[in-house]
Amino acid sequence: MKIATFILFFSIVLAIYALVNVYIYLLGLMAIPKGTQLRTIFIWVFWILATCFPLGRIIERFWTSPITDAIIWVGSFWLAAMLYLFLITLLVDIVRLSNFAFPWIEKMFGSTIFSVRLWTLGGAVLLVFLIIIVGHINAICTRISHYNISIEKKESKQGHLRIVAASDIHMGTIISQRRVGKLVRLINEQKPDIVLFAGDIVDEDLGPVIRRNLGRKLEQIKAKYGVYAVTGNHEYIGGVDAAVKYLENHKVTILRDSAALINNAFYIVGRDDKGGTKMSGHGRKELGDLLVGIDRTKPIVLLDHQPFNLNEASKANVDIQLSGHTHHGQLWPFNYLTKSIFEVSSGYIKKNNTHIIVSTGYGSWGPPIRIGNRPEIIVIDVTFTNR
């Protein structure tokens, strides 16, 4: 069942990917005169770019090298280009459809219509190129988001706690040595008491992570109480057991439907990923069951990768919930989609006595590009007060 589900899912994704590319290609081809060298160049360049991402991801499963890295990098940028070329193409087709109802294009441009098409294609390519450059710069400019939270618990002896958190790092071919090194540096600069990762620490395939020894970078994190994390859907896509073992071998404690009592003062509770457990065929524990046996007089910090059913944490009297997964859409206009799916796509909300923070994530999936949001590291200064 698991294999069949994967095959069906990726077949649908590849079919959509192919159809979108064919749609862009056909409209682009209409703008270039037949029999010209430009047309030949367009055909070859377009399909090389369009096949890079799926080809690179497939090859990477069996063999990683600088060659596969280059293919994936090119393909990743193409994913963003494809999105915005698709939106522009859709807009052009809307204009063309209006021409059927009220013919005006030929009247306005006459014999220069082919030149107009070619200039439109060139303008679209230039605009998308600029979007990609700006989006890539934005994607590597990490912000530090600060939150001050007060928790009232009778038995709290902690006084103050500085949590530094990140989600959706996606270590691999794209998020590699430089970006992971920057992550560790920024975390250490915040002088954390404890570091929390809310899932998707690694990307789909563990091979590039091992080849680059990225786990060694994580070992350089300095925190009094260590580094704790939960699984995300991408750990499951790439093989959850191998990913968890690798991270734990590099000083990251993974909580899989389990809890850790820290300094006999507060709990970190980690839920296995909602979507990942469905992939594996094993459901995760209910939050109520997970909290059985926990001293509720002590503060409870919950890590749950996907921010669904936020009322569940509130009803269970969890003090803080940290989530990620949404990337806040990563590329506009997908932020409207994540806002419609999740109660909180990014940022902070308080439900009863539960403080909930959803991170936009540190890394990126696919394109190393962000439009309409920025990557972030979260710093939470928690003050514990006795009632």
Foldseek 3Di string as FASTA:
>chain_A
DLVVVVVVVVVVVVVVLVVLLVLLLVLLLVLDDPPDPVSVVSVVVSVLLSVLQVVLVVVVQPDDDVVSLVSLQSNLLVVQLSVQSSVLSVVVVVVVVVCVVPPDQCVVQPPCSSVVSNVSSVVSVVVSVVQQVVFLVQLLDADEAEAEAEAAFAQAPPQKFKEKEFEQQAEFSVCYDVNLLVVLVVQVVVAGQEYEYQENNHAQACVRCVVRVSLLSVLSRDHNQFAEYEYEQSCLNNPVVVVQVSNVVSGYHYADLAWDQTPVREIEGEYHEQVSCVSVVHGTDQPVVSCPPPDVSHAYEYRYADQPPVVSCVVVVHQEYEYEPLLCLQEPPRVVVCVVVHVDSAQWDDDNNYIYGYANGNADPRHSGGDPDHHYMYIYMYGYHYD
